[in-house]
Amino acid sequence: ELCVESKSLADLTESFKSGRLHHQVETMCRHYREPVLLIELDPNRPFMLIHPAELNGDIAPGALTSKLCLLLLHFPQLRLVWAHGSASTVAHFDGLKARRDQPDADAAVAAGQEIELP
């Protein structure tokens, strides 16, 4: 059972700020064997989460890289997939979907309704 939550970089940042991502990942991990967070980066920009000049090796509570690390520590079954634009996202979905049954829409909706936002 595979579940993919797709986020643009802007949505990822906002989802961390609001706490929504934590709840989404928690629900995915509870209901699916293979939870995946797909992060779609802008195809018109270099393929990087943040500019290398911004990396200083320190752990900062507000830093996106620190938040991702903490998310992965709390949910070790979560996998990250990086996409460089919508065409790359489609290719990743095709690869992830290969040799899998069509998802049960009713079960997915029921699992998604469990999410309670702070």
PDB file of N, CA and C in Angstrom:
ATOM      1  N   GLU A   1       0.836  -1.175   0.000  1.00  0.00           N
ATOM      2  CA  GLU A   1       0.000   0.000   0.000  1.00  0.00           C
ATOM      3  C   GLU A   1       0.881   1.238   0.000  1.00  0.00           C
ATOM      4  N   LEU A   2       0.750   2.009  -1.029  1.00  0.00           N
ATOM      5  CA  LEU A   2       1.575   3.198  -1.234  1.00  0.00           C
ATOM      6  C   LEU A   2       0.713   4.444  -1.128  1.00  0.00           C
ATOM      7  N   CYS A   3       1.226   5.464  -0.460  1.00  0.00           N
ATOM      8  CA  CYS A   3       0.540   6.751  -0.374  1.00  0.00           C
ATOM      9  C   CYS A   3       1.579   7.838  -0.616  1.00  0.00           C
ATOM     10  N   VAL A   4       1.259   8.762  -1.525  1.00  0.00           N
ATOM     11  CA  VAL A   4       2.190   9.839  -1.862  1.00  0.00           C
ATOM     12  C   VAL A   4       1.546  11.179  -1.539  1.00  0.00           C
ATOM     13  N   GLU A   5       2.250  11.989  -0.779  1.00  0.00           N
ATOM     14  CA  GLU A   5       1.863  13.382  -0.545  1.00  0.00           C
ATOM     15  C   GLU A   5       2.843  14.227  -1.345  1.00  0.00           C
ATOM     16  N   SER A   6       2.310  15.018  -2.255  1.00  0.00           N
ATOM     17  CA  SER A   6       3.144  15.835  -3.136  1.00  0.00           C
ATOM     18  C   SER A   6       3.108  17.283  -2.667  1.00  0.00           C
ATOM     19  N   LYS A   7       4.285  17.911  -2.596  1.00  0.00           N
ATOM     20  CA  LYS A   7       4.387  19.299  -2.140  1.00  0.00           C
ATOM     21  C   LYS A   7       5.333  20.074  -3.045  1.00  0.00           C
ATOM     22  N   SER A   8       4.920  21.287  -3.391  1.00  0.00           N
ATOM     23  CA  SER A   8       5.873  22.223  -3.988  1.00  0.00           C
ATOM     24  C   SER A   8       6.735  22.738  -2.838  1.00  0.00           C
ATOM     25  N   LEU A   9       7.820  23.400  -3.147  1.00  0.00           N
ATOM     26  CA  LEU A   9       8.698  23.913  -2.096  1.00  0.00           C
ATOM     27  C   LEU A   9       7.954  24.927  -1.223  1.00  0.00           C
ATOM     28  N   ALA A  10       7.160  25.803  -1.849  1.00  0.00           N
ATOM     29  CA  ALA A  10       6.397  26.797  -1.081  1.00  0.00           C
ATOM     30  C   ALA A  10       5.374  26.113  -0.179  1.00  0.00           C
ATOM     31  N   ASP A  11       4.683  25.101  -0.697  1.00  0.00           N
ATOM     32  CA  ASP A  11       3.691  24.379   0.096  1.00  0.00           C
ATOM     33  C   ASP A  11       4.357  23.599   1.219  1.00  0.00           C
ATOM     34  N   LEU A  12       5.522  23.042   0.952  1.00  0.00           N
ATOM     35  CA  LEU A  12       6.265  22.316   1.981  1.00  0.00           C
ATOM     36  C   LEU A  12       6.583  23.241   3.152  1.00  0.00           C
ATOM     37  N   THR A  13       7.073  24.429   2.835  1.00  0.00           N
ATOM     38  CA  THR A  13       7.416  25.405   3.870  1.00  0.00           C
ATOM     39  C   THR A  13       6.184  25.779   4.691  1.00  0.00           C
ATOM     40  N   GLU A  14       5.083  26.083   4.026  1.00  0.00           N
ATOM     41  CA  GLU A  14       3.847  26.451   4.727  1.00  0.00           C
ATOM     42  C   GLU A  14       3.275  25.283   5.522  1.00  0.00           C
ATOM     43  N   SER A  15       3.384  24.075   4.986  1.00  0.00           N
ATOM     44  CA  SER A  15       2.872  22.892   5.683  1.00  0.00           C
ATOM     45  C   SER A  15       3.655  22.610   6.956  1.00  0.00           C
ATOM     46  N   PHE A  16       4.950  22.878   6.937  1.00  0.00           N
ATOM     47  CA  PHE A  16       5.745  22.754   8.163  1.00  0.00           C
ATOM     48  C   PHE A  16       5.312  23.808   9.174  1.00  0.00           C
ATOM     49  N   LYS A  17       5.150  25.048   8.722  1.00  0.00           N
ATOM     50  CA  LYS A  17       4.785  26.144   9.629  1.00  0.00           C
ATOM     51  C   LYS A  17       3.450  25.897  10.316  1.00  0.00           C
ATOM     52  N   SER A  18       2.485  25.397   9.571  1.00  0.00           N
ATOM     53  CA  SER A  18       1.139  25.200  10.121  1.00  0.00           C
ATOM     54  C   SER A  18       1.002  23.909  10.925  1.00  0.00           C
ATOM     55  N   GLY A  19       1.945  22.988  10.757  1.00  0.00           N
ATOM     56  CA  GLY A  19       1.838  21.684  11.407  1.00  0.00           C
ATOM     57  C   GLY A  19       1.056  20.674  10.582  1.00  0.00           C
ATOM     58  N   ARG A  20       0.547  21.122   9.445  1.00  0.00           N
ATOM     59  CA  ARG A  20      -0.267  20.253   8.587  1.00  0.00           C
ATOM     60  C   ARG A  20       0.528  19.046   8.094  1.00  0.00           C
ATOM     61  N   LEU A  21       1.791  19.251   7.719  1.00  0.00           N
ATOM     62  CA  LEU A  21       2.585  18.149   7.170  1.00  0.00           C
ATOM     63  C   LEU A  21       2.775  17.038   8.199  1.00  0.00           C
ATOM     64  N   HIS A  22       3.043  17.404   9.435  1.00  0.00           N
ATOM     65  CA  HIS A  22       3.222  16.397  10.481  1.00  0.00           C
ATOM     66  C   HIS A  22       1.974  15.524  10.595  1.00  0.00           C
ATOM     67  N   HIS A  23       0.812  16.148  10.597  1.00  0.00           N
ATOM     68  CA  HIS A  23      -0.443  15.390  10.686  1.00  0.00           C
ATOM     69  C   HIS A  23      -0.666  14.527   9.443  1.00  0.00           C
ATOM     70  N   GLN A  24      -0.338  15.059   8.276  1.00  0.00           N
ATOM     71  CA  GLN A  24      -0.504  14.284   7.044  1.00  0.00           C
ATOM     72  C   GLN A  24       0.400  13.054   7.056  1.00  0.00           C
ATOM     73  N   VAL A  25       1.655  13.243   7.445  1.00  0.00           N
ATOM     74  CA  VAL A  25       2.607  12.127   7.468  1.00  0.00           C
ATOM     75  C   VAL A  25       2.211  11.110   8.535  1.00  0.00           C
ATOM     76  N   GLU A  26       1.781  11.584   9.672  1.00  0.00           N
ATOM     77  CA  GLU A  26       1.337  10.683  10.735  1.00  0.00           C
ATOM     78  C   GLU A  26       0.186   9.796  10.246  1.00  0.00           C
ATOM     79  N   THR A  27      -0.770  10.385   9.559  1.00  0.00           N
ATOM     80  CA  THR A  27      -1.904   9.625   9.030  1.00  0.00           C
ATOM     81  C   THR A  27      -1.455   8.652   7.946  1.00  0.00           C
ATOM     82  N   MET A  28      -0.571   9.104   7.053  1.00  0.00           N
ATOM     83  CA  MET A  28      -0.068   8.211   6.001  1.00  0.00           C
ATOM     84  C   MET A  28       0.640   7.013   6.613  1.00  0.00           C
ATOM     85  N   CYS A  29       1.471   7.257   7.629  1.00  0.00           N
ATOM     86  CA  CYS A  29       2.231   6.169   8.250  1.00  0.00           C
ATOM     87  C   CYS A  29       1.314   5.195   8.991  1.00  0.00           C
ATOM     88  N   ARG A  30       0.215   5.691   9.500  1.00  0.00           N
ATOM     89  CA  ARG A  30      -0.723   4.831  10.213  1.00  0.00           C
ATOM     90  C   ARG A  30      -1.493   3.920   9.257  1.00  0.00           C
ATOM     91  N   HIS A  31      -1.798   4.413   8.062  1.00  0.00           N
ATOM     92  CA  HIS A  31      -2.687   3.681   7.161  1.00  0.00           C
ATOM     93  C   HIS A  31      -1.999   3.004   5.975  1.00  0.00           C
ATOM     94  N   TYR A  32      -0.750   3.370   5.705  1.00  0.00           N
ATOM     95  CA  TYR A  32      -0.094   2.842   4.507  1.00  0.00           C
ATOM     96  C   TYR A  32       1.277   2.279   4.857  1.00  0.00           C
ATOM     97  N   ARG A  33       1.623   1.206   4.164  1.00  0.00           N
ATOM     98  CA  ARG A  33       2.913   0.549   4.386  1.00  0.00           C
ATOM     99  C   ARG A  33       4.061   1.365   3.804  1.00  0.00           C
ATOM    100  N   GLU A  34       3.797   2.096   2.712  1.00  0.00           N
ATOM    101  CA  GLU A  34       4.840   2.859   2.028  1.00  0.00           C
ATOM    102  C   GLU A  34       4.438   4.329   1.885  1.00  0.00           C
ATOM    103  N   PRO A  35       4.614   5.132   2.930  1.00  0.00           N
ATOM    104  CA  PRO A  35       4.326   6.556   2.809  1.00  0.00           C
ATOM    105  C   PRO A  35       5.485   7.281   2.114  1.00  0.00           C
ATOM    106  N   VAL A  36       5.138   8.160   1.181  1.00  0.00           N
ATOM    107  CA  VAL A  36       6.146   8.877   0.392  1.00  0.00           C
ATOM    108  C   VAL A  36       5.810  10.365   0.394  1.00  0.00           C
ATOM    109  N   LEU A  37       6.817  11.187   0.615  1.00  0.00           N
ATOM    110  CA  LEU A  37       6.685  12.632   0.460  1.00  0.00           C
ATOM    111  C   LEU A  37       7.445  13.014  -0.797  1.00  0.00           C
ATOM    112  N   LEU A  38       6.705  13.484  -1.805  1.00  0.00           N
ATOM    113  CA  LEU A  38       7.308  13.903  -3.062  1.00  0.00           C
ATOM    114  C   LEU A  38       7.439  15.422  -3.032  1.00  0.00           C
ATOM    115  N   ILE A  39       8.656  15.912  -3.148  1.00  0.00           N
ATOM    116  CA  ILE A  39       8.920  17.352  -3.129  1.00  0.00           C
ATOM    117  C   ILE A  39       9.248  17.789  -4.544  1.00  0.00           C
ATOM    118  N   GLU A  40       8.370  18.640  -5.086  1.00  0.00           N
ATOM    119  CA  GLU A  40       8.539  19.110  -6.462  1.00  0.00           C
ATOM    120  C   GLU A  40       9.202  20.485  -6.461  1.00  0.00           C
ATOM    121  N   LEU A  41      10.387  20.534  -7.044  1.00  0.00           N
ATOM    122  CA  LEU A  41      11.140  21.782  -7.138  1.00  0.00           C
ATOM    123  C   LEU A  41      10.864  22.460  -8.472  1.00  0.00           C
ATOM    124  N   ASP A  42      11.091  23.747  -8.522  1.00  0.00           N
ATOM    125  CA  ASP A  42      10.846  24.562  -9.713  1.00  0.00           C
ATOM    126  C   ASP A  42      11.813  24.157 -10.826  1.00  0.00           C
ATOM    127  N   PRO A  43      11.296  23.765 -11.998  1.00  0.00           N
ATOM    128  CA  PRO A  43      12.179  23.338 -13.089  1.00  0.00           C
ATOM    129  C   PRO A  43      12.993  24.488 -13.689  1.00  0.00           C
ATOM    130  N   ASN A  44      12.619  25.717 -13.384  1.00  0.00           N
ATOM    131  CA  ASN A  44      13.341  26.880 -13.908  1.00  0.00           C
ATOM    132  C   ASN A  44      14.445  27.365 -12.980  1.00  0.00           C
ATOM    133  N   ARG A  45      14.648  26.638 -11.903  1.00  0.00           N
ATOM    134  CA  ARG A  45      15.700  26.990 -10.939  1.00  0.00           C
ATOM    135  C   ARG A  45      16.628  25.789 -10.778  1.00  0.00           C
ATOM    136  N   PRO A  46      17.817  26.008 -10.233  1.00  0.00           N
ATOM    137  CA  PRO A  46      18.721  24.870 -10.003  1.00  0.00           C
ATOM    138  C   PRO A  46      18.050  23.813  -9.116  1.00  0.00           C
ATOM    139  N   PHE A  47      18.404  22.560  -9.352  1.00  0.00           N
ATOM    140  CA  PHE A  47      17.801  21.434  -8.635  1.00  0.00           C
ATOM    141  C   PHE A  47      18.447  21.305  -7.260  1.00  0.00           C
ATOM    142  N   MET A  48      17.952  22.123  -6.316  1.00  0.00           N
ATOM    143  CA  MET A  48      18.462  22.093  -4.949  1.00  0.00           C
ATOM    144  C   MET A  48      17.379  22.603  -4.005  1.00  0.00           C
ATOM    145  N   LEU A  49      17.394  22.084  -2.804  1.00  0.00           N
ATOM    146  CA  LEU A  49      16.425  22.504  -1.805  1.00  0.00           C
ATOM    147  C   LEU A  49      16.726  23.923  -1.336  1.00  0.00           C
ATOM    148  N   ILE A  50      17.963  24.162  -0.982  1.00  0.00           N
ATOM    149  CA  ILE A  50      18.420  25.500  -0.614  1.00  0.00           C
ATOM    150  C   ILE A  50      19.785  25.723  -1.250  1.00  0.00           C
ATOM    151  N   HIS A  51      20.172  26.964  -1.349  1.00  0.00           N
ATOM    152  CA  HIS A  51      21.461  27.295  -1.953  1.00  0.00           C
ATOM    153  C   HIS A  51      22.589  26.814  -1.035  1.00  0.00           C
ATOM    154  N   PRO A  52      23.654  26.239  -1.592  1.00  0.00           N
ATOM    155  CA  PRO A  52      24.759  25.736  -0.767  1.00  0.00           C
ATOM    156  C   PRO A  52      25.357  26.789   0.166  1.00  0.00           C
ATOM    157  N   ALA A  53      25.301  28.054  -0.212  1.00  0.00           N
ATOM    158  CA  ALA A  53      25.843  29.108   0.646  1.00  0.00           C
ATOM    159  C   ALA A  53      25.052  29.234   1.953  1.00  0.00           C
ATOM    160  N   GLU A  54      23.805  28.753   1.947  1.00  0.00           N
ATOM    161  CA  GLU A  54      22.964  28.821   3.141  1.00  0.00           C
ATOM    162  C   GLU A  54      23.229  27.667   4.109  1.00  0.00           C
ATOM    163  N   LEU A  55      23.969  26.658   3.663  1.00  0.00           N
ATOM    164  CA  LEU A  55      24.286  25.520   4.526  1.00  0.00           C
ATOM    165  C   LEU A  55      25.504  25.851   5.370  1.00  0.00           C
ATOM    166  N   ASN A  56      25.343  25.788   6.691  1.00  0.00           N
ATOM    167  CA  ASN A  56      26.490  26.061   7.552  1.00  0.00           C
ATOM    168  C   ASN A  56      26.781  24.916   8.510  1.00  0.00           C
ATOM    169  N   GLY A  57      26.025  23.842   8.416  1.00  0.00           N
ATOM    170  CA  GLY A  57      26.289  22.679   9.259  1.00  0.00           C
ATOM    171  C   GLY A  57      25.597  22.721  10.605  1.00  0.00           C
ATOM    172  N   ASP A  58      25.059  23.870  10.983  1.00  0.00           N
ATOM    173  CA  ASP A  58      24.370  23.981  12.265  1.00  0.00           C
ATOM    174  C   ASP A  58      22.932  23.486  12.141  1.00  0.00           C
ATOM    175  N   ILE A  59      22.431  23.001  13.248  1.00  0.00           N
ATOM    176  CA  ILE A  59      21.027  22.615  13.302  1.00  0.00           C
ATOM    177  C   ILE A  59      20.255  23.834  13.791  1.00  0.00           C
ATOM    178  N   ALA A  60      19.341  24.302  12.971  1.00  0.00           N
ATOM    179  CA  ALA A  60      18.532  25.471  13.323  1.00  0.00           C
ATOM    180  C   ALA A  60      17.065  25.061  13.301  1.00  0.00           C
ATOM    181  N   PRO A  61      16.335  25.309  14.383  1.00  0.00           N
ATOM    182  CA  PRO A  61      14.936  24.871  14.449  1.00  0.00           C
ATOM    183  C   PRO A  61      14.073  25.366  13.296  1.00  0.00           C
ATOM    184  N   GLY A  62      14.356  26.535  12.770  1.00  0.00           N
ATOM    185  CA  GLY A  62      13.547  27.085  11.692  1.00  0.00           C
ATOM    186  C   GLY A  62      13.991  26.691  10.300  1.00  0.00           C
ATOM    187  N   ALA A  63      15.138  26.036  10.191  1.00  0.00           N
ATOM    188  CA  ALA A  63      15.680  25.695   8.872  1.00  0.00           C
ATOM    189  C   ALA A  63      14.910  24.529   8.252  1.00  0.00           C
ATOM    190  N   LEU A  64      14.630  24.651   6.969  1.00  0.00           N
ATOM    191  CA  LEU A  64      13.885  23.612   6.260  1.00  0.00           C
ATOM    192  C   LEU A  64      14.608  22.267   6.322  1.00  0.00           C
ATOM    193  N   THR A  65      15.927  22.282   6.178  1.00  0.00           N
ATOM    194  CA  THR A  65      16.683  21.025   6.231  1.00  0.00           C
ATOM    195  C   THR A  65      16.572  20.369   7.608  1.00  0.00           C
ATOM    196  N   SER A  66      16.601  21.169   8.664  1.00  0.00           N
ATOM    197  CA  SER A  66      16.452  20.625  10.018  1.00  0.00           C
ATOM    198  C   SER A  66      15.065  20.032  10.212  1.00  0.00           C
ATOM    199  N   LYS A  67      14.048  20.721   9.690  1.00  0.00           N
ATOM    200  CA  LYS A  67      12.676  20.223   9.815  1.00  0.00           C
ATOM    201  C   LYS A  67      12.500  18.902   9.066  1.00  0.00           C
ATOM    202  N   LEU A  68      13.097  18.803   7.882  1.00  0.00           N
ATOM    203  CA  LEU A  68      13.018  17.542   7.131  1.00  0.00           C
ATOM    204  C   LEU A  68      13.709  16.412   7.889  1.00  0.00           C
ATOM    205  N   CYS A  69      14.870  16.697   8.454  1.00  0.00           N
ATOM    206  CA  CYS A  69      15.592  15.675   9.225  1.00  0.00           C
ATOM    207  C   CYS A  69      14.764  15.200  10.415  1.00  0.00           C
ATOM    208  N   LEU A  70      14.162  16.136  11.136  1.00  0.00           N
ATOM    209  CA  LEU A  70      13.323  15.758  12.277  1.00  0.00           C
ATOM    210  C   LEU A  70      12.112  14.943  11.840  1.00  0.00           C
ATOM    211  N   LEU A  71      11.512  15.324  10.728  1.00  0.00           N
ATOM    212  CA  LEU A  71      10.370  14.574  10.210  1.00  0.00           C
ATOM    213  C   LEU A  71      10.772  13.129   9.913  1.00  0.00           C
ATOM    214  N   LEU A  72      11.933  12.952   9.285  1.00  0.00           N
ATOM    215  CA  LEU A  72      12.405  11.604   8.948  1.00  0.00           C
ATOM    216  C   LEU A  72      12.813  10.817  10.190  1.00  0.00           C
ATOM    217  N   LEU A  73      13.315  11.500  11.209  1.00  0.00           N
ATOM    218  CA  LEU A  73      13.634  10.813  12.461  1.00  0.00           C
ATOM    219  C   LEU A  73      12.365  10.333  13.165  1.00  0.00           C
ATOM    220  N   HIS A  74      11.315  11.152  13.136  1.00  0.00           N
ATOM    221  CA  HIS A  74      10.053  10.778  13.783  1.00  0.00           C
ATOM    222  C   HIS A  74       9.282   9.727  13.000  1.00  0.00           C
ATOM    223  N   PHE A  75       9.469   9.723  11.686  1.00  0.00           N
ATOM    224  CA  PHE A  75       8.756   8.785  10.815  1.00  0.00           C
ATOM    225  C   PHE A  75       9.766   8.081   9.907  1.00  0.00           C
ATOM    226  N   PRO A  76      10.513   7.115  10.448  1.00  0.00           N
ATOM    227  CA  PRO A  76      11.574   6.475   9.662  1.00  0.00           C
ATOM    228  C   PRO A  76      11.074   5.694   8.448  1.00  0.00           C
ATOM    229  N   GLN A  77       9.795   5.345   8.423  1.00  0.00           N
ATOM    230  CA  GLN A  77       9.259   4.631   7.261  1.00  0.00           C
ATOM    231  C   GLN A  77       8.956   5.575   6.100  1.00  0.00           C
ATOM    232  N   LEU A  78       8.946   6.884   6.341  1.00  0.00           N
ATOM    233  CA  LEU A  78       8.670   7.868   5.293  1.00  0.00           C
ATOM    234  C   LEU A  78       9.841   7.935   4.318  1.00  0.00           C
ATOM    235  N   ARG A  79       9.523   7.940   3.039  1.00  0.00           N
ATOM    236  CA  ARG A  79      10.536   8.072   1.992  1.00  0.00           C
ATOM    237  C   ARG A  79      10.366   9.412   1.298  1.00  0.00           C
ATOM    238  N   LEU A  80      11.480  10.019   0.927  1.00  0.00           N
ATOM    239  CA  LEU A  80      11.456  11.278   0.178  1.00  0.00           C
ATOM    240  C   LEU A  80      11.753  11.004  -1.282  1.00  0.00           C
ATOM    241  N   VAL A  81      11.023  11.680  -2.146  1.00  0.00           N
ATOM    242  CA  VAL A  81      11.270  11.628  -3.586  1.00  0.00           C
ATOM    243  C   VAL A  81      11.356  13.071  -4.050  1.00  0.00           C
ATOM    244  N   TRP A  82      12.381  13.367  -4.830  1.00  0.00           N
ATOM    245  CA  TRP A  82      12.586  14.721  -5.341  1.00  0.00           C
ATOM    246  C   TRP A  82      12.213  14.754  -6.809  1.00  0.00           C
ATOM    247  N   ALA A  83      11.494  15.786  -7.210  1.00  0.00           N
ATOM    248  CA  ALA A  83      11.118  15.955  -8.612  1.00  0.00           C
ATOM    249  C   ALA A  83      11.512  17.362  -9.051  1.00  0.00           C
ATOM    250  N   HIS A  84      11.955  17.462 -10.286  1.00  0.00           N
ATOM    251  CA  HIS A  84      12.367  18.757 -10.847  1.00  0.00           C
ATOM    252  C   HIS A  84      11.317  19.203 -11.857  1.00  0.00           C
ATOM    253  N   GLY A  85      10.146  19.596 -11.362  1.00  0.00           N
ATOM    254  CA  GLY A  85       9.063  20.048 -12.221  1.00  0.00           C
ATOM    255  C   GLY A  85       7.991  18.996 -12.399  1.00  0.00           C
ATOM    256  N   SER A  86       6.902  19.412 -13.053  1.00  0.00           N
ATOM    257  CA  SER A  86       5.737  18.533 -13.182  1.00  0.00           C
ATOM    258  C   SER A  86       6.006  17.305 -14.052  1.00  0.00           C
ATOM    259  N   ALA A  87       6.823  17.447 -15.101  1.00  0.00           N
ATOM    260  CA  ALA A  87       7.130  16.283 -15.946  1.00  0.00           C
ATOM    261  C   ALA A  87       7.872  15.220 -15.134  1.00  0.00           C
ATOM    262  N   SER A  88       8.778  15.660 -14.297  1.00  0.00           N
ATOM    263  CA  SER A  88       9.507  14.739 -13.428  1.00  0.00           C
ATOM    264  C   SER A  88       8.561  14.098 -12.407  1.00  0.00           C
ATOM    265  N   THR A  89       7.616  14.878 -11.888  1.00  0.00           N
ATOM    266  CA  THR A  89       6.630  14.346 -10.943  1.00  0.00           C
ATOM    267  C   THR A  89       5.811  13.238 -11.589  1.00  0.00           C
ATOM    268  N   VAL A  90       5.347  13.476 -12.813  1.00  0.00           N
ATOM    269  CA  VAL A  90       4.567  12.466 -13.540  1.00  0.00           C
ATOM    270  C   VAL A  90       5.394  11.195 -13.734  1.00  0.00           C
ATOM    271  N   ALA A  91       6.649  11.351 -14.111  1.00  0.00           N
ATOM    272  CA  ALA A  91       7.524  10.188 -14.308  1.00  0.00           C
ATOM    273  C   ALA A  91       7.693   9.408 -13.000  1.00  0.00           C
ATOM    274  N   HIS A  92       7.851  10.125 -11.892  1.00  0.00           N
ATOM    275  CA  HIS A  92       7.977   9.451 -10.595  1.00  0.00           C
ATOM    276  C   HIS A  92       6.694   8.708 -10.235  1.00  0.00           C
ATOM    277  N   PHE A  93       5.542   9.355 -10.451  1.00  0.00           N
ATOM    278  CA  PHE A  93       4.270   8.688 -10.164  1.00  0.00           C
ATOM    279  C   PHE A  93       4.114   7.439 -11.016  1.00  0.00           C
ATOM    280  N   ASP A  94       4.477   7.522 -12.290  1.00  0.00           N
ATOM    281  CA  ASP A  94       4.401   6.347 -13.162  1.00  0.00           C
ATOM    282  C   ASP A  94       5.273   5.219 -12.618  1.00  0.00           C
ATOM    283  N   GLY A  95       6.484   5.559 -12.194  1.00  0.00           N
ATOM    284  CA  GLY A  95       7.386   4.552 -11.647  1.00  0.00           C
ATOM    285  C   GLY A  95       6.885   3.967 -10.337  1.00  0.00           C
ATOM    286  N   LEU A  96       6.364   4.821  -9.468  1.00  0.00           N
ATOM    287  CA  LEU A  96       5.844   4.344  -8.186  1.00  0.00           C
ATOM    288  C   LEU A  96       4.592   3.486  -8.365  1.00  0.00           C
ATOM    289  N   LYS A  97       3.804   3.803  -9.367  1.00  0.00           N
ATOM    290  CA  LYS A  97       2.532   3.106  -9.609  1.00  0.00           C
ATOM    291  C   LYS A  97       2.711   1.781 -10.346  1.00  0.00           C
ATOM    292  N   ALA A  98       3.846   1.594 -10.980  1.00  0.00           N
ATOM    293  CA  ALA A  98       4.079   0.393 -11.791  1.00  0.00           C
ATOM    294  C   ALA A  98       3.810  -0.880 -10.987  1.00  0.00           C
ATOM    295  N   ARG A  99       3.101  -1.794 -11.611  1.00  0.00           N
ATOM    296  CA  ARG A  99       2.796  -3.111 -11.044  1.00  0.00           C
ATOM    297  C   ARG A  99       2.011  -3.034  -9.728  1.00  0.00           C
ATOM    298  N   ARG A 100       1.231  -2.001  -9.567  1.00  0.00           N
ATOM    299  CA  ARG A 100       0.392  -1.867  -8.370  1.00  0.00           C
ATOM    300  C   ARG A 100      -1.068  -1.767  -8.798  1.00  0.00           C
ATOM    301  N   ASP A 101      -1.937  -2.227  -7.929  1.00  0.00           N
ATOM    302  CA  ASP A 101      -3.368  -2.109  -8.189  1.00  0.00           C
ATOM    303  C   ASP A 101      -3.805  -0.656  -8.066  1.00  0.00           C
ATOM    304  N   GLN A 102      -4.921  -0.365  -8.694  1.00  0.00           N
ATOM    305  CA  GLN A 102      -5.525   0.959  -8.582  1.00  0.00           C
ATOM    306  C   GLN A 102      -5.895   1.194  -7.117  1.00  0.00           C
ATOM    307  N   PRO A 103      -5.668   2.389  -6.575  1.00  0.00           N
ATOM    308  CA  PRO A 103      -5.990   2.628  -5.163  1.00  0.00           C
ATOM    309  C   PRO A 103      -7.496   2.592  -4.906  1.00  0.00           C
ATOM    310  N   ASP A 104      -7.838   2.269  -3.677  1.00  0.00           N
ATOM    311  CA  ASP A 104      -9.231   2.275  -3.233  1.00  0.00           C
ATOM    312  C   ASP A 104      -9.565   3.703  -2.803  1.00  0.00           C
ATOM    313  N   ALA A 105     -10.322   4.412  -3.624  1.00  0.00           N
ATOM    314  CA  ALA A 105     -10.619   5.828  -3.376  1.00  0.00           C
ATOM    315  C   ALA A 105     -11.374   6.022  -2.066  1.00  0.00           C
ATOM    316  N   ASP A 106     -12.309   5.142  -1.754  1.00  0.00           N
ATOM    317  CA  ASP A 106     -13.081   5.279  -0.514  1.00  0.00           C
ATOM    318  C   ASP A 106     -12.184   5.148   0.716  1.00  0.00           C
ATOM    319  N   ALA A 107     -11.256   4.199   0.678  1.00  0.00           N
ATOM    320  CA  ALA A 107     -10.330   4.014   1.801  1.00  0.00           C
ATOM    321  C   ALA A 107      -9.409   5.224   1.944  1.00  0.00           C
ATOM    322  N   ALA A 108      -8.956   5.773   0.828  1.00  0.00           N
ATOM    323  CA  ALA A 108      -8.075   6.939   0.871  1.00  0.00           C
ATOM    324  C   ALA A 108      -8.805   8.156   1.437  1.00  0.00           C
ATOM    325  N   VAL A 109     -10.046   8.344   1.027  1.00  0.00           N
ATOM    326  CA  VAL A 109     -10.839   9.467   1.539  1.00  0.00           C
ATOM    327  C   VAL A 109     -11.079   9.304   3.034  1.00  0.00           C
ATOM    328  N   ALA A 110     -11.405   8.091   3.458  1.00  0.00           N
ATOM    329  CA  ALA A 110     -11.644   7.838   4.880  1.00  0.00           C
ATOM    330  C   ALA A 110     -10.391   8.110   5.701  1.00  0.00           C
ATOM    331  N   ALA A 111      -9.236   7.692   5.209  1.00  0.00           N
ATOM    332  CA  ALA A 111      -7.981   7.944   5.923  1.00  0.00           C
ATOM    333  C   ALA A 111      -7.687   9.436   5.964  1.00  0.00           C
ATOM    334  N   GLY A 112      -7.951  10.138   4.882  1.00  0.00           N
ATOM    335  CA  GLY A 112      -7.689  11.573   4.821  1.00  0.00           C
ATOM    336  C   GLY A 112      -8.584  12.388   5.730  1.00  0.00           C
ATOM    337  N   GLN A 113      -9.763  11.885   6.032  1.00  0.00           N
ATOM    338  CA  GLN A 113     -10.684  12.609   6.905  1.00  0.00           C
ATOM    339  C   GLN A 113     -10.255  12.561   8.359  1.00  0.00           C
ATOM    340  N   GLU A 114      -9.303  11.698   8.676  1.00  0.00           N
ATOM    341  CA  GLU A 114      -8.797  11.613  10.046  1.00  0.00           C
ATOM    342  C   GLU A 114      -7.938  12.800  10.420  1.00  0.00           C
ATOM    343  N   ILE A 115      -7.396  13.485   9.427  1.00  0.00           N
ATOM    344  CA  ILE A 115      -6.460  14.574   9.702  1.00  0.00           C
ATOM    345  C   ILE A 115      -7.193  15.706  10.405  1.00  0.00           C
ATOM    346  N   GLU A 116      -6.703  16.043  11.594  1.00  0.00           N
ATOM    347  CA  GLU A 116      -7.252  17.170  12.335  1.00  0.00           C
ATOM    348  C   GLU A 116      -6.181  18.238  12.391  1.00  0.00           C
ATOM    349  N   LEU A 117      -6.465  19.369  11.807  1.00  0.00           N
ATOM    350  CA  LEU A 117      -5.490  20.453  11.778  1.00  0.00           C
ATOM    351  C   LEU A 117      -5.497  21.193  13.106  1.00  0.00           C
ATOM    352  N   PRO A 118      -4.312  21.652  13.524  1.00  0.00           N
ATOM    353  CA  PRO A 118      -4.236  22.388  14.798  1.00  0.00           C
ATOM    354  C   PRO A 118      -4.953  23.725  14.710  1.00  0.00           C
TER     355      PRO A 118
END
